[in-house]
Amino acid sequence: MPMPHPLPPLAGAVLFSLAMNSQAHTIAVRILGQESIPPKWVAKDSGGLEGICPDILSAMEKAEPRLKFTGHDEFRSVPVIEQGLETGAVHAACALLDSDKRRKIAYQSVRLYTVKHRLAATATDKAVVESIDDLVKLKPLITTSRGAAYSEQLRQLGLEVDDSTGDNVTNLRKILGGHGRFVYMNEMTLVWLIREQRLQEKVRILPAILKEEPIYFWISKKTDAQAAQLMQQALQKLQRNGELNRIYERWTSVTNPP
């Protein structure tokens, strides 16, 4: 698959301090987990991580043993992750949508999967929304996750958006409390959170898929060229052998969207 944006060549200035283990020759790559966005990132009750991104990172380490990811057990909001990509404190980000800002601060690497955007409302709300045009006509207050790329897209359509928190459970409870009419979110996370929070009798997902967008692995433009190259090569290998698709299918098969 052709790259939307080519990564920098292997030769180049070292723009961050490369952490090396002289015996194992490993390269430490800092990457933060994204808060409140299962099954992309899931913190287990017993400790540790699971989910689409932890599985992708583990597969990348197996495909390229010189890579060692660190920091991904620290959950942060998208704006914090973007700030880290911009400064070089964070070397890569797993599974974020495309945006103008992200293209400025990071290289868009391999396409990981496609997300479907849907709305959730209270179970008693009988609204019918078949398209973005229907949503614009209603002009509701919509809650979204802080830093989500689609928040600005919705605002550009003239819609009022509350993205004051990155906690998507809080966003669901906002509409139950009468603050906002809809939650706009990716289908996988909506289904997961409604099930895990046992909100099936209180919240319904509207049937229409309002938008589908590819989601990518991003590499900071301030990441060392060798580390960037190794990440790119590992991702391309996982793409070619089908492992990226297998990881995605494992996690989406348990969400069972309505």
Foldseek 3Di string as FASTA:
>chain_A
DDFPFDADAQDDDQQDDWDADVPQRATEAEEAAAPAFPPCWDADPVGDIDHLPVVLVVLLCVLPVNYDYDHHVHHDHQVVRLVCLQNVVHFKYPWAFDDPSLVVFWGFADFLFKWFKWKKFWPPDPDADAEVVSVLVVQWEEEEAPPHRCQVVNVVSVHHYDHPHRNVLVRVVCRVVVNIGIYIDTQQSVLVSCVVVVCPNTMDIHDHGHDMGTITMIGGSSHNSNVVVSSRVSVVVCVVVVVSVVSVCVSSVVSPGD
